[in-house]
Amino acid sequence: MHEDNAEKGFTVLGFPCNQFGAQEPGTNEEILEFARSKFDVTFPMFSKIEVNGDGACELYQLLTSAISNPEGKPDIAWNFTKFLIDGDGNVVERFEPGIAPEEIAVKLETYLS
């Protein structure tokens, strides 16, 4: 999705977080190497952050306050929750971990058209 839509102004941004089953315990460098070697990640990866609780970074405070999860709660339930931000910086969609990239791509087209 990142490569397919880059020319349209779309970018995927990755924010590692170790708050979910200790899935990302490594250093920022180790996480980046793993993402590149295992999943061929080419999009920007940022430093490890917290997304829930008192230590949640400001970006995730903004994202989760804009659109709640399906249970009506702001918290991130599990890794790989995704948010779609429009060109004006508005949070327009939230996708829970079980949503397939193909489903996101369909929604993305409505914003890039």
C-alpha atoms as a PDB file:
ATOM      1  CA  MET A   1       0.000   0.000   0.000  1.00  0.00           C
ATOM      2  CA  HIS A   2       2.835   2.355   0.847  1.00  0.00           C
ATOM      3  CA  GLU A   3       4.620   1.937  -2.496  1.00  0.00           C
ATOM      4  CA  ASP A   4       1.419   1.736  -4.533  1.00  0.00           C
ATOM      5  CA  ASN A   5       0.133   5.075  -3.276  1.00  0.00           C
ATOM      6  CA  ALA A   6       3.264   7.111  -2.572  1.00  0.00           C
ATOM      7  CA  GLU A   7       2.861   9.184  -5.735  1.00  0.00           C
ATOM      8  CA  LYS A   8      -0.625  10.174  -4.527  1.00  0.00           C
ATOM      9  CA  GLY A   9       0.797  11.625  -1.306  1.00  0.00           C
ATOM     10  CA  PHE A  10       0.142   8.592   0.911  1.00  0.00           C
ATOM     11  CA  THR A  11       2.700   7.357   3.423  1.00  0.00           C
ATOM     12  CA  VAL A  12       2.585   4.573   5.987  1.00  0.00           C
ATOM     13  CA  LEU A  13       4.284   5.425   9.281  1.00  0.00           C
ATOM     14  CA  GLY A  14       5.297   2.704  11.736  1.00  0.00           C
ATOM     15  CA  PHE A  15       5.366   3.214  15.503  1.00  0.00           C
ATOM     16  CA  PRO A  16       6.682   0.187  17.398  1.00  0.00           C
ATOM     17  CA  CYS A  17       5.192  -0.439  20.845  1.00  0.00           C
ATOM     18  CA  ASN A  18       6.025  -3.086  23.428  1.00  0.00           C
ATOM     19  CA  GLN A  19       2.791  -2.749  25.442  1.00  0.00           C
ATOM     20  CA  PHE A  20       1.160  -5.809  23.854  1.00  0.00           C
ATOM     21  CA  GLY A  21       2.523  -9.158  24.952  1.00  0.00           C
ATOM     22  CA  ALA A  22       6.094  -7.808  24.853  1.00  0.00           C
ATOM     23  CA  GLN A  23       6.127  -8.339  21.064  1.00  0.00           C
ATOM     24  CA  GLU A  24       8.710  -5.617  20.425  1.00  0.00           C
ATOM     25  CA  PRO A  25      11.243  -5.830  23.248  1.00  0.00           C
ATOM     26  CA  GLY A  26      14.294  -4.950  21.154  1.00  0.00           C
ATOM     27  CA  THR A  27      16.060  -1.698  20.539  1.00  0.00           C
ATOM     28  CA  ASN A  28      14.809   0.657  17.848  1.00  0.00           C
ATOM     29  CA  GLU A  29      17.570  -0.621  15.567  1.00  0.00           C
ATOM     30  CA  GLU A  30      16.667  -4.277  16.187  1.00  0.00           C
ATOM     31  CA  ILE A  31      12.983  -3.600  15.529  1.00  0.00           C
ATOM     32  CA  LEU A  32      13.780  -1.790  12.282  1.00  0.00           C
ATOM     33  CA  GLU A  33      16.077  -4.594  11.093  1.00  0.00           C
ATOM     34  CA  PHE A  34      13.420  -7.201  11.916  1.00  0.00           C
ATOM     35  CA  ALA A  35      10.695  -5.239  10.087  1.00  0.00           C
ATOM     36  CA  ARG A  36      12.890  -4.807   7.023  1.00  0.00           C
ATOM     37  CA  SER A  37      14.223  -8.365   6.869  1.00  0.00           C
ATOM     38  CA  LYS A  38      11.030 -10.231   7.810  1.00  0.00           C
ATOM     39  CA  PHE A  39       8.370  -8.014   6.192  1.00  0.00           C
ATOM     40  CA  ASP A  40      10.314  -5.963   3.626  1.00  0.00           C
ATOM     41  CA  VAL A  41       9.199  -2.718   5.304  1.00  0.00           C
ATOM     42  CA  THR A  42      10.140   0.349   3.279  1.00  0.00           C
ATOM     43  CA  PHE A  43       8.018   2.951   5.068  1.00  0.00           C
ATOM     44  CA  PRO A  44       9.383   5.201   7.839  1.00  0.00           C
ATOM     45  CA  MET A  45       9.709   3.533  11.243  1.00  0.00           C
ATOM     46  CA  PHE A  46       9.869   5.691  14.341  1.00  0.00           C
ATOM     47  CA  SER A  47      11.290   5.082  17.803  1.00  0.00           C
ATOM     48  CA  LYS A  48       9.398   2.780  20.132  1.00  0.00           C
ATOM     49  CA  ILE A  49       6.542   4.534  21.935  1.00  0.00           C
ATOM     50  CA  GLU A  50       3.714   3.864  24.345  1.00  0.00           C
ATOM     51  CA  VAL A  51       0.203   4.133  22.934  1.00  0.00           C
ATOM     52  CA  ASN A  52      -1.910   3.587  26.074  1.00  0.00           C
ATOM     53  CA  GLY A  53      -1.900   4.836  29.635  1.00  0.00           C
ATOM     54  CA  ASP A  54      -0.192   7.762  31.292  1.00  0.00           C
ATOM     55  CA  GLY A  55       2.905   7.332  29.114  1.00  0.00           C
ATOM     56  CA  ALA A  56       1.029   7.415  25.788  1.00  0.00           C
ATOM     57  CA  CYS A  57       2.753   9.719  23.322  1.00  0.00           C
ATOM     58  CA  GLU A  58       0.918  12.872  22.251  1.00  0.00           C
ATOM     59  CA  LEU A  59       0.295  11.557  18.751  1.00  0.00           C
ATOM     60  CA  TYR A  60      -1.569   8.519  20.046  1.00  0.00           C
ATOM     61  CA  GLN A  61      -3.464  10.635  22.551  1.00  0.00           C
ATOM     62  CA  LEU A  62      -4.704  12.658  19.577  1.00  0.00           C
ATOM     63  CA  LEU A  63      -5.460   9.599  17.419  1.00  0.00           C
ATOM     64  CA  THR A  64      -7.339   7.662  20.079  1.00  0.00           C
ATOM     65  CA  SER A  65      -9.339  10.696  21.211  1.00  0.00           C
ATOM     66  CA  ALA A  66     -10.483  11.296  17.614  1.00  0.00           C
ATOM     67  CA  ILE A  67     -11.942   7.824  16.949  1.00  0.00           C
ATOM     68  CA  SER A  68     -12.732   5.171  19.555  1.00  0.00           C
ATOM     69  CA  ASN A  69     -12.387   1.432  19.084  1.00  0.00           C
ATOM     70  CA  PRO A  70     -15.498  -0.674  18.302  1.00  0.00           C
ATOM     71  CA  GLU A  71     -16.205  -0.985  22.031  1.00  0.00           C
ATOM     72  CA  GLY A  72     -16.384   2.799  22.303  1.00  0.00           C
ATOM     73  CA  LYS A  73     -13.097   3.043  24.178  1.00  0.00           C
ATOM     74  CA  PRO A  74     -10.121   5.118  23.083  1.00  0.00           C
ATOM     75  CA  ASP A  75      -7.429   2.595  24.056  1.00  0.00           C
ATOM     76  CA  ILE A  76      -5.487   0.557  21.537  1.00  0.00           C
ATOM     77  CA  ALA A  77      -6.508  -3.054  22.154  1.00  0.00           C
ATOM     78  CA  TRP A  78      -3.604  -4.719  20.363  1.00  0.00           C
ATOM     79  CA  ASN A  79      -0.646  -4.048  18.077  1.00  0.00           C
ATOM     80  CA  PHE A  80      -1.308  -3.099  14.471  1.00  0.00           C
ATOM     81  CA  THR A  81      -4.242  -0.773  15.050  1.00  0.00           C
ATOM     82  CA  LYS A  82      -4.083   1.643  12.129  1.00  0.00           C
ATOM     83  CA  PHE A  83      -5.325   5.193  11.610  1.00  0.00           C
ATOM     84  CA  LEU A  84      -5.943   7.021   8.361  1.00  0.00           C
ATOM     85  CA  ILE A  85      -5.179  10.741   8.433  1.00  0.00           C
ATOM     86  CA  ASP A  86      -6.310  13.003   5.598  1.00  0.00           C
ATOM     87  CA  GLY A  87      -4.190  15.687   3.928  1.00  0.00           C
ATOM     88  CA  ASP A  88      -5.436  18.278   6.430  1.00  0.00           C
ATOM     89  CA  GLY A  89      -4.344  16.216   9.446  1.00  0.00           C
ATOM     90  CA  ASN A  90      -7.828  14.966  10.373  1.00  0.00           C
ATOM     91  CA  VAL A  91      -8.220  11.439  11.702  1.00  0.00           C
ATOM     92  CA  VAL A  92     -10.772   9.959   9.293  1.00  0.00           C
ATOM     93  CA  GLU A  93     -10.635   6.190   9.848  1.00  0.00           C
ATOM     94  CA  ARG A  94      -9.506   3.720  12.492  1.00  0.00           C
ATOM     95  CA  PHE A  95      -8.780   0.107  11.620  1.00  0.00           C
ATOM     96  CA  GLU A  96      -8.443  -2.567  14.270  1.00  0.00           C
ATOM     97  CA  PRO A  97      -5.729  -5.255  13.935  1.00  0.00           C
ATOM     98  CA  GLY A  98      -7.983  -7.831  12.263  1.00  0.00           C
ATOM     99  CA  ILE A  99      -8.767  -5.586   9.298  1.00  0.00           C
ATOM    100  CA  ALA A 100      -6.908  -6.816   6.213  1.00  0.00           C
ATOM    101  CA  PRO A 101      -4.747  -4.386   4.216  1.00  0.00           C
ATOM    102  CA  GLU A 102      -6.984  -5.036   1.204  1.00  0.00           C
ATOM    103  CA  GLU A 103      -9.963  -3.637   3.125  1.00  0.00           C
ATOM    104  CA  ILE A 104      -7.953  -0.576   4.067  1.00  0.00           C
ATOM    105  CA  ALA A 105      -6.867  -0.097   0.450  1.00  0.00           C
ATOM    106  CA  VAL A 106     -10.506   0.126  -0.640  1.00  0.00           C
ATOM    107  CA  LYS A 107     -11.207   2.847   1.935  1.00  0.00           C
ATOM    108  CA  LEU A 108      -7.967   4.608   1.065  1.00  0.00           C
ATOM    109  CA  GLU A 109      -9.050   5.001  -2.549  1.00  0.00           C
ATOM    110  CA  THR A 110     -12.007   7.155  -1.494  1.00  0.00           C
ATOM    111  CA  TYR A 111      -9.606   9.637   0.120  1.00  0.00           C
ATOM    112  CA  LEU A 112      -6.989   9.629  -2.629  1.00  0.00           C
ATOM    113  CA  SER A 113      -9.388   9.999  -5.545  1.00  0.00           C
END
